[in-house]
Amino acid sequence: MLTRRKFMAALSAIGLGAGIPFQSKSNPQSTMIVHQVFFWLHHPEKDMQAVWEGCKKIASTKSVKDYKLGKPAGTARREVVDHSFHISLTVYFESVEAHDLYQTDPVHLAFVDDHKDKWSQVKVYDFEV
C-alpha cells in the first residue's frame, strides 16, 4: 500500500508539473535583455558622483524596465573576481527592441558625450534571460 501511495504522489506531481509555464527559446518576445556596464574612471575621487548621477538619469529613460547601480562589493579577493571597476550599471529591457531604443535615446547619447572623458575603460555585457 505504501508503494502505491508513493506512486500516486509521484504521478500527481508529474501532472501538476505539466501545467507550470516555461519560457520558450523560440519566442523572441519573451526574451528579456540584461545590459551590464562597468566603468573604470580616471579620477574616481573627482568624477564618481557626476557619473553616478548620469547613470541614474539614463536608467530612467522610457525603454528601461528596471536598473541597479552599484560599486564593487566588499567580498573576498579571489582570482576570478574583478573588483577593479568603479561603477557598475545593470539595466533590464523587455526586448532587444527596447535595448536598441535605449542606445539611440538622446538622454543616453548625451550621457556618453558628457562623461566619456571621465572613464579610462568601459566594458559592456549584454545577455538574454
C-alpha atoms as a PDB file:
ATOM      1  CA  MET A   1       0.000   0.000   0.000  1.00  0.00           C
ATOM      2  CA  LEU A   2       2.858   2.389   0.812  1.00  0.00           C
ATOM      3  CA  THR A   3       4.384   1.780  -2.603  1.00  0.00           C
ATOM      4  CA  ARG A   4       1.069   2.550  -4.303  1.00  0.00           C
ATOM      5  CA  ARG A   5       0.784   5.814  -2.345  1.00  0.00           C
ATOM      6  CA  LYS A   6       4.286   6.870  -3.386  1.00  0.00           C
ATOM      7  CA  PHE A   7       3.464   6.012  -6.992  1.00  0.00           C
ATOM      8  CA  MET A   8       0.241   8.065  -6.884  1.00  0.00           C
ATOM      9  CA  ALA A   9       2.042  11.014  -5.241  1.00  0.00           C
ATOM     10  CA  ALA A  10       4.757  10.950  -7.907  1.00  0.00           C
ATOM     11  CA  LEU A  11       2.161  10.720 -10.669  1.00  0.00           C
ATOM     12  CA  SER A  12       0.287  13.693  -9.185  1.00  0.00           C
ATOM     13  CA  ALA A  13       3.487  15.747  -9.004  1.00  0.00           C
ATOM     14  CA  ILE A  14       4.261  14.996 -12.646  1.00  0.00           C
ATOM     15  CA  GLY A  15       0.737  16.006 -13.626  1.00  0.00           C
ATOM     16  CA  LEU A  16       0.995  19.280 -11.711  1.00  0.00           C
ATOM     17  CA  GLY A  17       4.405  19.978 -13.224  1.00  0.00           C
ATOM     18  CA  ALA A  18       2.957  19.697 -16.717  1.00  0.00           C
ATOM     19  CA  GLY A  19       0.891  22.816 -16.027  1.00  0.00           C
ATOM     20  CA  ILE A  20       3.840  25.007 -14.979  1.00  0.00           C
ATOM     21  CA  PRO A  21       4.583  27.630 -17.639  1.00  0.00           C
ATOM     22  CA  PHE A  22       8.050  27.805 -19.136  1.00  0.00           C
ATOM     23  CA  GLN A  23       9.884  30.302 -21.302  1.00  0.00           C
ATOM     24  CA  SER A  24      10.153  29.172 -24.878  1.00  0.00           C
ATOM     25  CA  LYS A  25      13.539  29.511 -26.548  1.00  0.00           C
ATOM     26  CA  SER A  26      11.851  30.034 -29.891  1.00  0.00           C
ATOM     27  CA  ASN A  27       9.762  33.031 -28.786  1.00  0.00           C
ATOM     28  CA  PRO A  28      11.883  36.183 -29.022  1.00  0.00           C
ATOM     29  CA  GLN A  29       9.055  38.243 -27.495  1.00  0.00           C
ATOM     30  CA  SER A  30       9.648  36.510 -24.150  1.00  0.00           C
ATOM     31  CA  THR A  31      13.373  37.293 -24.124  1.00  0.00           C
ATOM     32  CA  MET A  32      14.486  39.955 -21.684  1.00  0.00           C
ATOM     33  CA  ILE A  33      17.837  41.706 -22.196  1.00  0.00           C
ATOM     34  CA  VAL A  34      20.190  42.453 -19.321  1.00  0.00           C
ATOM     35  CA  HIS A  35      22.735  45.170 -20.138  1.00  0.00           C
ATOM     36  CA  GLN A  36      25.657  45.379 -17.701  1.00  0.00           C
ATOM     37  CA  VAL A  37      28.077  48.284 -17.932  1.00  0.00           C
ATOM     38  CA  PHE A  38      31.289  48.565 -15.904  1.00  0.00           C
ATOM     39  CA  PHE A  39      33.115  51.899 -15.663  1.00  0.00           C
ATOM     40  CA  TRP A  40      36.752  52.497 -14.727  1.00  0.00           C
ATOM     41  CA  LEU A  41      37.278  56.193 -14.007  1.00  0.00           C
ATOM     42  CA  HIS A  42      40.453  58.217 -14.487  1.00  0.00           C
ATOM     43  CA  HIS A  43      39.790  60.218 -11.311  1.00  0.00           C
ATOM     44  CA  PRO A  44      37.166  58.415  -9.209  1.00  0.00           C
ATOM     45  CA  GLU A  45      37.574  60.762  -6.252  1.00  0.00           C
ATOM     46  CA  LYS A  46      36.629  63.693  -8.517  1.00  0.00           C
ATOM     47  CA  ASP A  47      34.228  62.163 -11.073  1.00  0.00           C
ATOM     48  CA  MET A  48      32.377  59.384  -9.234  1.00  0.00           C
ATOM     49  CA  GLN A  49      29.360  61.477  -8.234  1.00  0.00           C
ATOM     50  CA  ALA A  50      28.829  63.006 -11.694  1.00  0.00           C
ATOM     51  CA  VAL A  51      28.987  59.654 -13.497  1.00  0.00           C
ATOM     52  CA  TRP A  52      26.816  58.036 -10.811  1.00  0.00           C
ATOM     53  CA  GLU A  53      24.124  60.705 -11.228  1.00  0.00           C
ATOM     54  CA  GLY A  54      24.405  60.417 -15.017  1.00  0.00           C
ATOM     55  CA  CYS A  55      23.824  56.651 -14.769  1.00  0.00           C
ATOM     56  CA  LYS A  56      20.676  57.245 -12.725  1.00  0.00           C
ATOM     57  CA  LYS A  57      19.434  59.676 -15.353  1.00  0.00           C
ATOM     58  CA  ILE A  58      19.968  57.364 -18.335  1.00  0.00           C
ATOM     59  CA  ALA A  59      18.467  54.444 -16.419  1.00  0.00           C
ATOM     60  CA  SER A  60      15.206  56.363 -16.125  1.00  0.00           C
ATOM     61  CA  THR A  61      14.683  56.553 -19.898  1.00  0.00           C
ATOM     62  CA  LYS A  62      11.431  55.235 -21.331  1.00  0.00           C
ATOM     63  CA  SER A  63      12.673  51.896 -22.687  1.00  0.00           C
ATOM     64  CA  VAL A  64      14.304  50.808 -19.396  1.00  0.00           C
ATOM     65  CA  LYS A  65      12.255  48.338 -17.357  1.00  0.00           C
ATOM     66  CA  ASP A  66      14.473  48.453 -14.267  1.00  0.00           C
ATOM     67  CA  TYR A  67      18.068  49.113 -13.256  1.00  0.00           C
ATOM     68  CA  LYS A  68      20.611  48.594 -10.493  1.00  0.00           C
ATOM     69  CA  LEU A  69      23.578  50.824  -9.829  1.00  0.00           C
ATOM     70  CA  GLY A  70      26.486  49.736  -7.679  1.00  0.00           C
ATOM     71  CA  LYS A  71      30.114  49.760  -6.641  1.00  0.00           C
ATOM     72  CA  PRO A  72      32.482  46.832  -6.080  1.00  0.00           C
ATOM     73  CA  ALA A  73      31.309  44.647  -3.212  1.00  0.00           C
ATOM     74  CA  GLY A  74      33.404  44.006  -0.160  1.00  0.00           C
ATOM     75  CA  THR A  75      33.610  40.317  -0.984  1.00  0.00           C
ATOM     76  CA  ALA A  76      36.719  38.180  -0.597  1.00  0.00           C
ATOM     77  CA  ARG A  77      39.517  38.784  -3.055  1.00  0.00           C
ATOM     78  CA  ARG A  78      39.781  35.803  -5.377  1.00  0.00           C
ATOM     79  CA  GLU A  79      41.480  35.356  -8.732  1.00  0.00           C
ATOM     80  CA  VAL A  80      38.139  35.080 -10.579  1.00  0.00           C
ATOM     81  CA  VAL A  81      36.564  38.192  -9.032  1.00  0.00           C
ATOM     82  CA  ASP A  82      37.233  41.599 -10.568  1.00  0.00           C
ATOM     83  CA  HIS A  83      36.917  44.428  -8.044  1.00  0.00           C
ATOM     84  CA  SER A  84      38.848  46.922 -10.170  1.00  0.00           C
ATOM     85  CA  PHE A  85      35.893  48.837 -11.653  1.00  0.00           C
ATOM     86  CA  HIS A  86      34.431  51.947 -10.016  1.00  0.00           C
ATOM     87  CA  ILE A  87      30.760  51.871 -11.073  1.00  0.00           C
ATOM     88  CA  SER A  88      28.501  49.100 -12.315  1.00  0.00           C
ATOM     89  CA  LEU A  89      25.209  49.811 -14.067  1.00  0.00           C
ATOM     90  CA  THR A  90      22.824  46.939 -14.785  1.00  0.00           C
ATOM     91  CA  VAL A  91      19.832  47.789 -16.983  1.00  0.00           C
ATOM     92  CA  TYR A  92      16.888  45.482 -17.737  1.00  0.00           C
ATOM     93  CA  PHE A  93      14.977  45.680 -21.018  1.00  0.00           C
ATOM     94  CA  GLU A  94      11.801  43.856 -22.058  1.00  0.00           C
ATOM     95  CA  SER A  95      13.225  43.125 -25.519  1.00  0.00           C
ATOM     96  CA  VAL A  96      16.069  43.672 -27.954  1.00  0.00           C
ATOM     97  CA  GLU A  97      13.982  46.446 -29.492  1.00  0.00           C
ATOM     98  CA  ALA A  98      13.775  48.261 -26.144  1.00  0.00           C
ATOM     99  CA  HIS A  99      17.552  47.880 -25.773  1.00  0.00           C
ATOM    100  CA  ASP A 100      18.066  49.328 -29.249  1.00  0.00           C
ATOM    101  CA  LEU A 101      15.825  52.315 -28.461  1.00  0.00           C
ATOM    102  CA  TYR A 102      17.926  52.994 -25.370  1.00  0.00           C
ATOM    103  CA  GLN A 103      21.137  53.002 -27.406  1.00  0.00           C
ATOM    104  CA  THR A 104      19.805  55.812 -29.609  1.00  0.00           C
ATOM    105  CA  ASP A 105      17.889  57.696 -26.902  1.00  0.00           C
ATOM    106  CA  PRO A 106      19.076  61.344 -26.744  1.00  0.00           C
ATOM    107  CA  VAL A 107      19.486  61.070 -22.954  1.00  0.00           C
ATOM    108  CA  HIS A 108      21.839  58.085 -23.357  1.00  0.00           C
ATOM    109  CA  LEU A 109      23.793  59.775 -26.146  1.00  0.00           C
ATOM    110  CA  ALA A 110      24.159  62.961 -24.055  1.00  0.00           C
ATOM    111  CA  PHE A 111      25.421  60.892 -21.103  1.00  0.00           C
ATOM    112  CA  VAL A 112      28.141  59.316 -23.231  1.00  0.00           C
ATOM    113  CA  ASP A 113      29.132  62.664 -24.699  1.00  0.00           C
ATOM    114  CA  ASP A 114      29.152  64.410 -21.295  1.00  0.00           C
ATOM    115  CA  HIS A 115      31.129  61.746 -19.413  1.00  0.00           C
ATOM    116  CA  LYS A 116      33.302  59.815 -21.882  1.00  0.00           C
ATOM    117  CA  ASP A 117      36.366  61.826 -20.899  1.00  0.00           C
ATOM    118  CA  LYS A 118      35.947  60.689 -17.277  1.00  0.00           C
ATOM    119  CA  TRP A 119      36.435  56.978 -17.883  1.00  0.00           C
ATOM    120  CA  SER A 120      39.553  55.099 -18.846  1.00  0.00           C
ATOM    121  CA  GLN A 121      37.627  51.981 -19.790  1.00  0.00           C
ATOM    122  CA  VAL A 122      34.052  50.781 -20.209  1.00  0.00           C
ATOM    123  CA  LYS A 123      33.002  47.134 -20.567  1.00  0.00           C
ATOM    124  CA  VAL A 124      29.511  46.085 -21.597  1.00  0.00           C
ATOM    125  CA  TYR A 125      27.976  42.641 -21.232  1.00  0.00           C
ATOM    126  CA  ASP A 126      24.576  42.044 -22.825  1.00  0.00           C
ATOM    127  CA  PHE A 127      22.747  38.777 -22.278  1.00  0.00           C
ATOM    128  CA  GLU A 128      19.297  37.254 -22.665  1.00  0.00           C
ATOM    129  CA  VAL A 129      17.256  35.859 -19.797  1.00  0.00           C
END
